[in-house]
N, C-alpha and C. Protein backbone atom coordinates (compact mmCIF):
# COMPACT_ATOMS: atom_id res chain seq x y z
N MET A 1 0.82 -1.63 -0.17
CA MET A 1 -0.06 -0.18 -0.22
C MET A 1 0.81 1.51 0.21
N THR A 2 0.63 2.19 -0.66
CA THR A 2 0.82 3.42 -0.11
C THR A 2 1.16 3.96 0.80
N LEU A 3 2.39 5.10 1.06
CA LEU A 3 2.50 5.66 2.35
C LEU A 3 1.32 6.27 3.06
N PRO A 4 0.81 5.90 3.91
CA PRO A 4 -0.03 7.56 4.80
C PRO A 4 0.65 8.67 4.78
N GLU A 5 0.22 9.73 4.71
CA GLU A 5 0.09 10.59 5.17
C GLU A 5 1.03 10.75 6.58
N ASP A 6 0.16 10.15 7.47
CA ASP A 6 0.68 10.30 8.88
C ASP A 6 1.88 9.66 9.30
N TYR A 7 2.15 8.75 7.98
CA TYR A 7 3.58 8.31 8.68
C TYR A 7 4.88 9.71 8.52
N PHE A 8 4.20 10.50 7.20
CA PHE A 8 5.44 11.79 6.62
C PHE A 8 5.45 12.58 8.29
N GLU A 9 4.39 12.65 8.29
CA GLU A 9 3.97 13.58 9.88
C GLU A 9 5.15 13.18 10.78
N ASP A 10 4.75 11.77 11.17
CA ASP A 10 5.57 11.49 12.32
C ASP A 10 7.26 11.63 11.98
N VAL A 11 7.28 11.38 11.07
CA VAL A 11 8.98 11.55 10.28
C VAL A 11 9.45 12.90 10.62
N TYR A 12 8.65 13.73 10.08
CA TYR A 12 9.15 15.61 10.06
C TYR A 12 9.47 15.95 11.73
N ARG A 13 7.80 15.67 12.36
CA ARG A 13 8.16 15.79 13.56
C ARG A 13 9.15 15.45 14.72
N ALA A 14 9.73 14.27 14.20
CA ALA A 14 10.66 13.94 14.82
C ALA A 14 11.80 14.42 14.92
N ARG A 15 12.32 14.63 13.81
CA ARG A 15 13.83 15.45 13.28
C ARG A 15 13.25 16.58 12.14
N GLU A 16 14.52 17.94 11.99
CA GLU A 16 14.05 19.01 11.74
C GLU A 16 14.21 18.84 9.65
N ASP A 17 15.58 17.45 9.44
CA ASP A 17 15.64 17.06 8.50
C ASP A 17 15.97 15.34 8.62
N PRO A 18 15.38 14.62 8.04
CA PRO A 18 15.13 13.09 8.51
C PRO A 18 15.80 12.52 7.88
N TRP A 19 16.17 12.98 6.48
CA TRP A 19 16.89 11.82 5.69
C TRP A 19 18.49 12.86 5.38
N ASP A 20 19.07 13.50 6.42
CA ASP A 20 20.05 14.36 6.42
C ASP A 20 20.12 15.04 4.81
N PHE A 21 19.26 15.64 4.49
CA PHE A 21 19.18 16.19 3.07
C PHE A 21 20.94 17.38 2.83
N ALA A 22 20.61 18.11 3.87
CA ALA A 22 21.00 19.48 4.14
C ALA A 22 22.44 19.22 4.61
N SER A 23 23.30 18.28 5.10
CA SER A 23 24.35 18.08 5.56
C SER A 23 24.90 16.68 5.20
N SER A 24 24.11 15.77 4.82
CA SER A 24 24.99 14.11 3.82
C SER A 24 25.80 14.71 2.72
N PRO A 25 27.29 14.26 2.95
CA PRO A 25 28.26 14.27 1.93
C PRO A 25 27.44 13.19 0.76
N TYR A 26 27.01 12.19 0.70
CA TYR A 26 26.15 11.32 -0.06
C TYR A 26 25.03 11.94 -0.82
N GLU A 27 24.33 12.86 0.16
CA GLU A 27 23.34 13.66 -0.43
C GLU A 27 23.32 14.57 -1.69
N ALA A 28 25.05 15.22 -0.90
CA ALA A 28 25.29 16.47 -1.81
C ALA A 28 26.01 15.92 -3.21
N ALA A 29 26.64 14.67 -2.88
CA ALA A 29 27.23 14.47 -4.52
C ALA A 29 25.95 13.44 -5.36
N LYS A 30 24.84 13.35 -4.67
CA LYS A 30 23.97 12.56 -5.39
C LYS A 30 23.13 13.97 -6.12
N TYR A 31 23.06 15.19 -5.41
CA TYR A 31 22.28 16.39 -6.10
C TYR A 31 23.62 16.44 -7.24
N ALA A 32 24.76 16.73 -7.04
CA ALA A 32 25.44 17.43 -7.88
C ALA A 32 25.20 16.53 -9.05
N ARG A 33 25.42 14.90 -8.86
CA ARG A 33 25.13 14.33 -10.00
C ARG A 33 23.68 14.64 -10.97
N THR A 34 23.08 14.91 -9.59
CA THR A 34 21.27 14.47 -10.47
C THR A 34 21.73 16.01 -11.48
N LEU A 35 21.95 17.05 -10.87
CA LEU A 35 22.26 18.59 -11.60
C LEU A 35 23.10 18.34 -13.38
N SER A 36 24.23 17.68 -13.03
CA SER A 36 24.82 17.18 -13.90
C SER A 36 24.06 16.40 -15.28
N ALA A 37 23.08 15.32 -14.87
CA ALA A 37 22.89 14.78 -15.81
C ALA A 37 21.67 15.53 -16.62
N LEU A 38 21.15 16.84 -16.13
CA LEU A 38 19.80 17.21 -16.93
C LEU A 38 20.87 17.37 -17.95
N PRO A 39 19.97 17.30 -19.09
CA PRO A 39 20.75 17.24 -20.52
C PRO A 39 20.32 19.01 -21.13
N HIS A 40 19.92 19.78 -20.39
CA HIS A 40 19.65 21.17 -21.08
C HIS A 40 20.00 22.22 -19.67
N GLU A 41 20.99 23.29 -20.12
CA GLU A 41 20.97 24.01 -18.90
C GLU A 41 20.21 25.04 -18.77
N ARG A 42 19.19 25.49 -19.03
CA ARG A 42 18.15 25.83 -18.81
C ARG A 42 16.51 25.21 -19.28
N TYR A 43 15.65 25.42 -18.03
CA TYR A 43 14.40 25.09 -18.21
C TYR A 43 13.33 26.00 -17.81
N ALA A 44 12.08 26.60 -19.17
CA ALA A 44 11.28 27.34 -18.58
C ALA A 44 10.94 27.01 -17.30
N ARG A 45 10.01 26.06 -17.01
CA ARG A 45 9.08 26.16 -16.28
C ARG A 45 9.57 24.63 -15.96
N ALA A 46 9.79 23.87 -14.65
CA ALA A 46 10.12 22.59 -13.80
C ALA A 46 8.94 22.78 -12.51
N LEU A 47 9.14 20.81 -12.39
CA LEU A 47 8.10 20.67 -11.27
C LEU A 47 9.20 19.75 -10.64
N GLU A 48 9.32 19.76 -9.13
CA GLU A 48 9.70 18.91 -8.35
C GLU A 48 8.53 18.33 -7.77
N VAL A 49 8.58 16.75 -7.70
CA VAL A 49 7.59 15.98 -6.89
C VAL A 49 8.01 15.68 -5.80
N GLY A 50 7.40 15.68 -4.30
CA GLY A 50 8.44 15.51 -3.39
C GLY A 50 9.71 15.97 -2.83
N CYS A 51 9.41 17.33 -2.61
CA CYS A 51 10.62 18.31 -2.55
C CYS A 51 11.20 18.24 -0.91
N SER A 52 10.23 17.73 -0.14
CA SER A 52 10.97 17.95 1.14
C SER A 52 10.79 19.42 2.24
N ILE A 53 12.65 19.14 2.34
CA ILE A 53 12.73 20.46 2.61
C ILE A 53 13.46 21.61 2.12
N GLY A 54 13.40 21.33 1.01
CA GLY A 54 13.66 22.30 -0.37
C GLY A 54 15.29 21.95 -0.29
N VAL A 55 16.17 21.33 0.08
CA VAL A 55 17.51 21.60 -0.67
C VAL A 55 17.76 21.45 -1.85
N LEU A 56 17.33 20.13 -2.20
CA LEU A 56 17.63 20.41 -4.23
C LEU A 56 16.85 21.09 -4.60
N SER A 57 15.42 21.71 -4.07
CA SER A 57 15.02 22.58 -4.50
C SER A 57 15.50 24.24 -5.12
N GLY A 58 16.52 24.78 -4.15
CA GLY A 58 17.24 25.30 -4.07
C GLY A 58 18.19 25.34 -5.70
N LEU A 59 18.35 24.41 -5.27
CA LEU A 59 19.94 23.70 -6.60
C LEU A 59 18.91 23.67 -8.25
N LEU A 60 17.73 23.46 -7.87
CA LEU A 60 16.92 23.20 -9.71
C LEU A 60 16.61 24.55 -9.59
N ALA A 61 16.25 25.58 -8.81
CA ALA A 61 16.16 26.90 -9.00
C ALA A 61 16.52 27.53 -10.29
N GLY A 62 17.96 27.50 -10.03
CA GLY A 62 19.18 27.92 -10.88
C GLY A 62 18.92 27.58 -12.13
N ARG A 63 18.38 26.35 -12.19
CA ARG A 63 17.91 25.70 -13.55
C ARG A 63 16.98 26.03 -14.60
N ALA A 64 16.06 26.83 -13.67
CA ALA A 64 14.66 26.98 -14.08
C ALA A 64 13.98 28.41 -13.97
N GLY A 65 13.86 29.11 -14.90
CA GLY A 65 12.99 30.19 -14.94
C GLY A 65 11.94 29.86 -14.11
N GLU A 66 10.91 28.92 -13.62
CA GLU A 66 9.57 29.07 -12.69
C GLU A 66 9.72 27.74 -12.24
N LEU A 67 9.53 27.19 -10.94
CA LEU A 67 10.18 26.06 -10.61
C LEU A 67 9.08 26.17 -9.85
N TRP A 68 7.89 24.82 -9.70
CA TRP A 68 6.68 24.31 -8.64
C TRP A 68 7.50 22.80 -7.83
N ALA A 69 7.52 23.04 -6.42
CA ALA A 69 7.88 22.52 -6.25
C ALA A 69 6.95 22.00 -4.95
N VAL A 70 6.73 20.83 -5.15
CA VAL A 70 5.30 20.14 -4.22
C VAL A 70 5.68 19.08 -3.29
N ASP A 71 4.83 19.13 -2.03
CA ASP A 71 5.04 18.06 -1.21
C ASP A 71 3.73 17.92 -0.32
N LEU A 72 3.29 16.50 -0.02
CA LEU A 72 2.06 16.76 0.96
C LEU A 72 2.35 16.71 2.10
N ASN A 73 3.28 16.93 2.85
CA ASN A 73 3.80 17.51 4.38
C ASN A 73 3.77 19.05 4.65
N GLU A 74 2.66 19.21 4.60
CA GLU A 74 2.62 20.83 5.48
C GLU A 74 4.27 21.50 6.19
N GLN A 75 4.85 20.20 7.03
CA GLN A 75 5.92 21.03 7.81
C GLN A 75 6.91 21.00 6.91
N ALA A 76 7.22 19.85 5.91
CA ALA A 76 8.29 19.72 5.01
C ALA A 76 8.16 21.35 4.16
N LEU A 77 7.23 21.50 3.63
CA LEU A 77 6.95 22.58 2.95
C LEU A 77 7.27 24.16 3.78
N THR A 78 6.92 23.80 5.20
CA THR A 78 7.32 25.61 5.90
C THR A 78 8.93 25.47 5.93
N ARG A 79 9.36 24.47 6.17
CA ARG A 79 10.92 24.25 6.00
C ARG A 79 11.91 24.42 4.66
N ALA A 80 10.80 24.34 3.43
CA ALA A 80 11.37 24.55 2.57
C ALA A 80 11.34 25.61 1.90
N ARG A 81 10.22 26.74 2.51
CA ARG A 81 9.79 27.72 2.28
C ARG A 81 10.94 28.89 3.08
N ALA A 82 11.41 28.04 4.32
CA ALA A 82 12.19 29.52 4.68
C ALA A 82 13.90 29.15 4.31
N ARG A 83 13.94 27.73 3.64
CA ARG A 83 15.02 28.03 3.79
C ARG A 83 15.52 28.37 2.02
N ASN A 84 14.46 28.58 1.13
CA ASN A 84 14.23 28.78 0.00
C ASN A 84 13.87 30.67 -0.16
N ALA A 85 13.91 31.22 1.20
CA ALA A 85 12.64 32.26 0.85
C ALA A 85 13.69 33.78 -0.09
N ALA A 86 15.18 33.19 -0.27
CA ALA A 86 15.53 34.40 -1.22
C ALA A 86 15.22 34.05 -3.00
N HIS A 87 14.72 32.83 -2.95
CA HIS A 87 14.17 32.31 -4.91
C HIS A 87 12.77 32.99 -5.12
N SER A 88 12.80 33.75 -5.56
CA SER A 88 10.97 34.05 -5.69
C SER A 88 10.85 33.23 -7.27
N ASN A 89 11.47 32.57 -7.99
CA ASN A 89 10.87 31.57 -8.96
C ASN A 89 10.68 30.54 -8.64
N ILE A 90 10.39 30.26 -7.25
CA ILE A 90 9.80 28.82 -6.67
C ILE A 90 8.88 28.98 -6.13
N ILE A 91 7.52 28.52 -6.27
CA ILE A 91 6.21 28.19 -5.63
C ILE A 91 6.15 26.88 -4.92
N PHE A 92 5.79 26.95 -4.00
CA PHE A 92 5.66 25.49 -2.85
C PHE A 92 4.40 25.32 -3.16
N GLU A 93 3.66 24.41 -2.95
CA GLU A 93 2.54 23.90 -2.72
C GLU A 93 2.52 22.72 -2.11
N ARG A 94 1.38 22.35 -1.71
CA ARG A 94 0.96 21.09 -1.22
C ARG A 94 -0.19 20.14 -1.62
N ARG A 95 0.77 19.11 -2.39
CA ARG A 95 0.22 18.04 -3.23
C ARG A 95 0.45 17.00 -3.11
N ARG A 96 -0.46 15.48 -3.17
CA ARG A 96 -0.08 14.35 -3.26
C ARG A 96 -0.36 13.31 -4.68
N LEU A 97 0.87 12.63 -4.63
CA LEU A 97 0.42 11.22 -5.89
C LEU A 97 -0.66 10.81 -4.91
N PRO A 98 -1.03 9.80 -5.84
CA PRO A 98 -0.70 10.24 -7.59
C PRO A 98 -1.34 10.87 -8.20
N THR A 99 -2.67 11.48 -8.10
CA THR A 99 -3.12 12.15 -8.69
C THR A 99 -3.05 14.04 -8.57
N ASP A 100 -2.90 14.54 -7.56
CA ASP A 100 -2.66 16.15 -7.71
C ASP A 100 -2.00 16.29 -8.21
N LEU A 101 -1.28 16.86 -8.52
CA LEU A 101 -0.11 17.50 -9.74
C LEU A 101 -0.36 18.69 -10.13
N PRO A 102 0.10 20.27 -10.08
CA PRO A 102 -0.24 21.29 -11.07
C PRO A 102 -0.30 20.67 -12.59
N ASP A 103 -0.87 21.95 -12.61
CA ASP A 103 -0.79 21.96 -14.60
C ASP A 103 0.12 21.55 -15.52
N GLY A 104 0.45 21.47 -15.98
CA GLY A 104 1.52 21.02 -16.90
C GLY A 104 0.91 22.34 -18.24
N PRO A 105 1.67 22.39 -19.37
CA PRO A 105 2.67 21.45 -19.11
C PRO A 105 4.44 22.26 -18.82
N PHE A 106 5.09 20.64 -17.82
CA PHE A 106 6.62 21.53 -17.76
C PHE A 106 7.74 21.31 -18.53
N ASP A 107 8.78 21.60 -18.58
CA ASP A 107 9.54 21.11 -20.21
C ASP A 107 10.82 20.71 -18.80
N LEU A 108 10.72 20.57 -17.46
CA LEU A 108 11.44 19.55 -16.83
C LEU A 108 10.73 19.31 -15.57
N ILE A 109 10.74 17.82 -15.37
CA ILE A 109 10.39 17.10 -13.84
C ILE A 109 11.35 16.39 -13.47
N VAL A 110 11.27 16.38 -12.35
CA VAL A 110 12.14 15.79 -11.71
C VAL A 110 11.20 15.01 -10.22
N LEU A 111 11.32 13.52 -10.36
CA LEU A 111 11.41 12.57 -9.23
C LEU A 111 12.39 12.02 -8.72
N SER A 112 12.60 12.70 -7.38
CA SER A 112 13.85 12.37 -6.88
C SER A 112 13.34 11.75 -5.30
N GLU A 113 14.12 10.49 -4.98
CA GLU A 113 13.73 9.55 -3.53
C GLU A 113 12.03 10.05 -3.71
N VAL A 114 10.87 9.72 -4.11
CA VAL A 114 9.56 9.98 -4.10
C VAL A 114 8.92 8.38 -4.28
N LEU A 115 9.03 8.13 -5.54
CA LEU A 115 7.66 6.87 -5.95
C LEU A 115 8.31 6.03 -5.00
N TYR A 116 8.77 5.74 -4.81
CA TYR A 116 8.62 4.25 -3.95
C TYR A 116 7.86 4.16 -2.85
N TYR A 117 7.20 5.30 -2.42
CA TYR A 117 6.37 5.59 -1.21
C TYR A 117 4.92 5.04 -2.07
N LEU A 118 5.00 4.42 -3.04
CA LEU A 118 3.62 4.31 -3.85
C LEU A 118 3.52 2.68 -4.34
N SER A 119 2.18 2.49 -3.83
CA SER A 119 1.87 1.31 -4.29
C SER A 119 2.42 0.98 -6.08
N PRO A 120 2.32 -0.25 -5.86
CA PRO A 120 2.35 -0.74 -7.59
C PRO A 120 1.19 0.38 -8.94
N GLU A 121 -0.05 0.05 -8.21
CA GLU A 121 -1.33 0.67 -8.74
C GLU A 121 -1.19 2.51 -8.93
N ASN A 122 -0.85 2.84 -7.44
CA ASN A 122 -0.74 4.24 -7.36
C ASN A 122 0.30 4.74 -8.14
N LEU A 123 1.57 4.02 -8.49
CA LEU A 123 2.49 4.58 -9.07
C LEU A 123 2.35 4.40 -11.21
N GLU A 124 1.21 3.55 -11.44
CA GLU A 124 1.01 3.74 -12.54
C GLU A 124 0.50 5.10 -12.82
N THR A 125 -0.90 4.84 -11.79
CA THR A 125 -1.25 5.95 -11.73
C THR A 125 -0.47 7.53 -11.79
N ALA A 126 0.51 7.75 -10.92
CA ALA A 126 1.56 9.22 -11.39
C ALA A 126 2.08 8.90 -12.02
N LEU A 127 2.57 7.73 -12.77
CA LEU A 127 3.43 8.08 -13.95
C LEU A 127 2.54 8.55 -14.91
N ASP A 128 1.59 8.29 -15.34
CA ASP A 128 0.05 8.65 -16.37
C ASP A 128 0.34 10.29 -16.47
N GLY A 129 0.00 10.08 -14.94
CA GLY A 129 0.12 11.76 -14.40
C GLY A 129 1.08 12.85 -15.07
N VAL A 130 2.40 12.50 -14.68
CA VAL A 130 3.49 13.22 -14.63
C VAL A 130 3.63 13.00 -16.84
N LEU A 131 3.71 12.24 -16.81
CA LEU A 131 3.80 12.37 -18.80
C LEU A 131 2.67 13.01 -18.68
N ALA A 132 1.43 13.19 -18.35
CA ALA A 132 0.75 13.85 -19.33
C ALA A 132 1.01 15.83 -18.78
N ARG A 133 1.73 15.87 -18.14
CA ARG A 133 2.29 17.13 -18.06
C ARG A 133 3.46 17.69 -18.29
N LEU A 134 4.46 16.45 -18.78
CA LEU A 134 5.70 16.72 -19.64
C LEU A 134 5.50 17.15 -21.00
N SER A 135 6.24 18.66 -21.29
CA SER A 135 6.37 19.04 -22.66
C SER A 135 6.49 18.33 -23.69
N ALA A 136 6.32 18.76 -25.22
CA ALA A 136 7.08 17.90 -26.18
C ALA A 136 8.40 18.30 -25.80
N CYS A 137 9.43 16.92 -25.76
CA CYS A 137 10.83 17.66 -25.95
C CYS A 137 11.25 17.75 -24.58
N GLY A 138 10.42 17.32 -23.67
CA GLY A 138 10.57 17.81 -22.09
C GLY A 138 11.40 16.80 -21.48
N THR A 139 12.27 17.25 -20.86
CA THR A 139 13.16 15.92 -19.76
C THR A 139 12.10 15.91 -18.47
N LEU A 140 12.45 14.03 -18.20
CA LEU A 140 11.81 13.45 -17.35
C LEU A 140 13.21 13.09 -16.43
N LEU A 141 13.76 13.38 -15.03
CA LEU A 141 14.82 12.71 -14.49
C LEU A 141 14.20 11.81 -13.20
N LEU A 142 14.30 10.76 -12.79
CA LEU A 142 14.35 9.89 -11.75
C LEU A 142 15.54 9.67 -10.98
N VAL A 143 15.81 9.74 -9.65
CA VAL A 143 16.63 9.66 -8.77
C VAL A 143 16.36 8.51 -8.04
N HIS A 144 16.47 7.82 -7.23
CA HIS A 144 16.09 6.86 -5.98
C HIS A 144 17.22 5.88 -5.66
N TRP A 145 16.87 5.98 -4.01
CA TRP A 145 17.73 4.63 -3.49
C TRP A 145 17.51 3.08 -3.97
N THR A 146 18.14 2.95 -4.17
CA THR A 146 17.67 1.01 -5.00
C THR A 146 17.85 -0.39 -3.34
N PRO A 147 18.67 -0.11 -2.38
CA PRO A 147 18.13 -1.37 -1.35
C PRO A 147 16.41 -1.10 -1.15
N GLN A 148 16.47 -2.29 -0.63
CA GLN A 148 14.82 -2.50 0.05
C GLN A 148 15.17 -1.74 0.99
N VAL A 149 13.43 -1.18 1.51
CA VAL A 149 13.48 -0.68 2.65
C VAL A 149 12.69 -0.65 3.16
N HIS A 150 12.35 -1.54 4.72
CA HIS A 150 11.13 -2.48 5.16
C HIS A 150 10.11 -1.75 5.08
N ASP A 151 9.92 -0.33 5.52
CA ASP A 151 8.42 0.06 5.07
C ASP A 151 8.15 0.85 4.07
N TYR A 152 8.89 0.88 2.91
CA TYR A 152 8.48 1.23 1.22
C TYR A 152 8.12 0.18 0.46
N PRO A 153 7.31 0.48 0.13
CA PRO A 153 6.36 -0.18 -0.86
C PRO A 153 7.05 -0.86 -1.26
N GLN A 154 7.69 0.07 -2.36
CA GLN A 154 8.61 -0.55 -3.43
C GLN A 154 9.85 -0.31 -3.35
N THR A 155 11.07 -0.69 -4.70
CA THR A 155 12.44 -0.29 -4.54
C THR A 155 12.68 1.03 -5.13
N GLY A 156 13.83 1.43 -4.81
CA GLY A 156 14.15 2.33 -6.27
C GLY A 156 13.57 1.19 -7.73
N ASP A 157 14.43 0.21 -7.67
CA ASP A 157 14.35 -0.33 -8.90
C ASP A 157 13.39 -1.13 -9.63
N ALA A 158 12.42 -0.85 -8.63
CA ALA A 158 11.55 -1.00 -8.92
C ALA A 158 10.13 0.02 -9.82
N VAL A 159 10.81 0.95 -9.18
CA VAL A 159 10.20 2.15 -9.80
C VAL A 159 10.44 2.17 -11.22
N HIS A 160 11.77 2.62 -11.38
CA HIS A 160 12.71 2.74 -12.55
C HIS A 160 12.12 1.73 -13.41
N ALA A 161 12.38 0.64 -12.72
CA ALA A 161 11.64 -0.42 -14.16
C ALA A 161 10.31 0.04 -14.42
N ALA A 162 9.72 0.32 -13.60
CA ALA A 162 8.20 0.93 -14.21
C ALA A 162 8.40 2.06 -15.43
N THR A 163 9.52 2.90 -14.57
CA THR A 163 8.76 3.90 -16.14
C THR A 163 10.02 3.29 -17.40
N LEU A 164 10.84 2.31 -16.99
CA LEU A 164 11.71 2.21 -18.38
C LEU A 164 10.29 1.35 -19.00
N ALA A 165 9.55 0.81 -18.99
CA ALA A 165 8.39 0.27 -19.13
C ALA A 165 7.81 1.04 -20.34
N ARG A 166 7.78 1.98 -20.06
CA ARG A 166 7.07 3.05 -20.92
C ARG A 166 7.61 4.30 -21.97
N VAL A 167 9.21 3.07 -22.01
CA VAL A 167 9.68 3.61 -23.52
C VAL A 167 9.78 3.33 -24.76
N GLY A 168 9.32 4.03 -25.71
CA GLY A 168 8.87 3.32 -27.29
C GLY A 168 7.65 3.58 -27.05
N HIS A 169 6.76 3.70 -25.71
CA HIS A 169 5.25 4.98 -26.10
C HIS A 169 5.44 6.30 -25.72
N GLY A 170 6.03 6.56 -26.79
CA GLY A 170 6.07 8.58 -25.99
C GLY A 170 7.32 8.93 -25.15
N LEU A 171 8.04 7.74 -24.61
CA LEU A 171 8.97 7.87 -24.15
C LEU A 171 10.72 7.80 -24.44
N HIS A 172 11.35 8.17 -24.63
CA HIS A 172 12.66 8.12 -24.66
C HIS A 172 14.02 7.88 -23.46
N HIS A 173 14.31 7.18 -23.55
CA HIS A 173 15.61 6.78 -22.31
C HIS A 173 16.88 7.62 -22.87
N LEU A 174 17.40 8.56 -22.12
CA LEU A 174 18.36 9.48 -22.54
C LEU A 174 19.85 8.57 -21.69
N HIS A 175 19.47 8.11 -20.85
CA HIS A 175 20.53 8.23 -19.61
C HIS A 175 20.71 7.67 -18.38
N ALA A 176 21.91 6.46 -18.52
CA ALA A 176 21.60 6.06 -17.00
C ALA A 176 22.96 5.95 -16.35
N GLU A 177 22.86 5.73 -15.08
CA GLU A 177 23.83 5.76 -13.85
C GLU A 177 23.21 5.30 -12.59
N ARG A 178 24.35 4.80 -12.38
CA ARG A 178 24.40 3.81 -10.78
C ARG A 178 25.28 4.01 -10.25
N HIS A 179 25.10 4.12 -8.44
CA HIS A 179 26.03 4.59 -7.78
C HIS A 179 26.07 3.49 -6.48
N GLY A 180 27.31 3.46 -6.10
CA GLY A 180 27.30 2.23 -4.81
C GLY A 180 26.66 0.93 -5.08
N ASP A 181 26.91 0.42 -3.92
CA ASP A 181 26.61 -1.23 -4.57
C ASP A 181 25.09 -1.61 -4.06
N GLY A 182 24.59 -2.82 -4.08
CA GLY A 182 23.33 -3.51 -2.94
C GLY A 182 22.61 -2.74 -2.00
N GLN A 183 24.05 -2.63 -0.75
CA GLN A 183 23.47 -2.02 0.03
C GLN A 183 23.33 -0.57 0.36
N GLN A 184 24.04 -0.31 -0.38
CA GLN A 184 24.01 1.18 -0.20
C GLN A 184 24.31 2.37 -1.49
N GLY A 185 23.24 3.06 -2.22
CA GLY A 185 23.33 3.35 -3.69
C GLY A 185 22.42 3.67 -3.95
N TYR A 186 22.34 4.86 -5.43
CA TYR A 186 20.90 5.09 -5.97
C TYR A 186 20.91 4.62 -7.10
N ARG A 187 20.28 5.18 -8.31
CA ARG A 187 20.29 5.04 -9.77
C ARG A 187 19.61 6.31 -10.28
N LEU A 188 19.98 6.95 -11.26
CA LEU A 188 19.87 7.89 -12.04
C LEU A 188 18.97 7.69 -13.45
N ASP A 189 18.13 7.92 -13.97
CA ASP A 189 17.72 7.74 -15.61
C ASP A 189 16.66 9.32 -15.95
N VAL A 190 17.51 8.98 -16.62
CA VAL A 190 17.27 10.58 -18.01
C VAL A 190 16.03 10.10 -18.76
N PHE A 191 14.84 10.45 -19.62
CA PHE A 191 13.97 9.99 -20.57
C PHE A 191 13.59 12.13 -20.94
N THR A 192 13.07 11.39 -22.40
CA THR A 192 12.60 12.58 -22.88
C THR A 192 11.45 12.37 -23.31
N ARG A 193 10.53 13.33 -23.69
CA ARG A 193 8.95 13.50 -24.21
C ARG A 193 9.39 13.16 -25.62
N ASP A 194 8.96 12.31 -26.15
CA ASP A 194 8.72 12.50 -27.85
C ASP A 194 7.92 14.03 -28.61
N GLY A 195 8.80 14.17 -29.47
CA GLY A 195 8.07 16.03 -29.65
C GLY A 195 6.83 15.39 -30.47
N MET A 196 6.11 16.24 -30.64
CA MET A 196 4.85 16.79 -31.35
C MET A 196 4.79 17.62 -32.31
């Protein structure tokens, strides 16, 4: 089953930065690889789904004219807004996958460490919604932790495999990376939408 909102309420109540996004060298290196993997230097309109406390949001803001950063947890969004007060081009909103996404089109959509919280059925619905909002020739970037986490419905490999299954049906696979090993690591995949 998709993780409930209460799960994240508890996580953010327990710690200011539950996954050490702001302080972890691992996270900093992953963010650097994420930005490096983007095929274009600038995007007019971008969407980050699952922005958490906004560390990656601040980095993406430098690559986008307008960035919509969404999360289901208001505690996280409050921290993200404070962290990114100097970035006037970020719009933070409370939204929940699989269906509650802002209207597109977006030239860039980033799904970082978020899709494995969804059930397989909700993942497919979320991917439908994401791809419906991706502009012609737009960039879709996924990056997820790959080891199994006991309370997550899926692994990073499973959610990337579900996205790769859509290649050839309006989606092209541009780039793939794996970092770390089976015990600690992540994968990154970049896709583009067919032009219309």
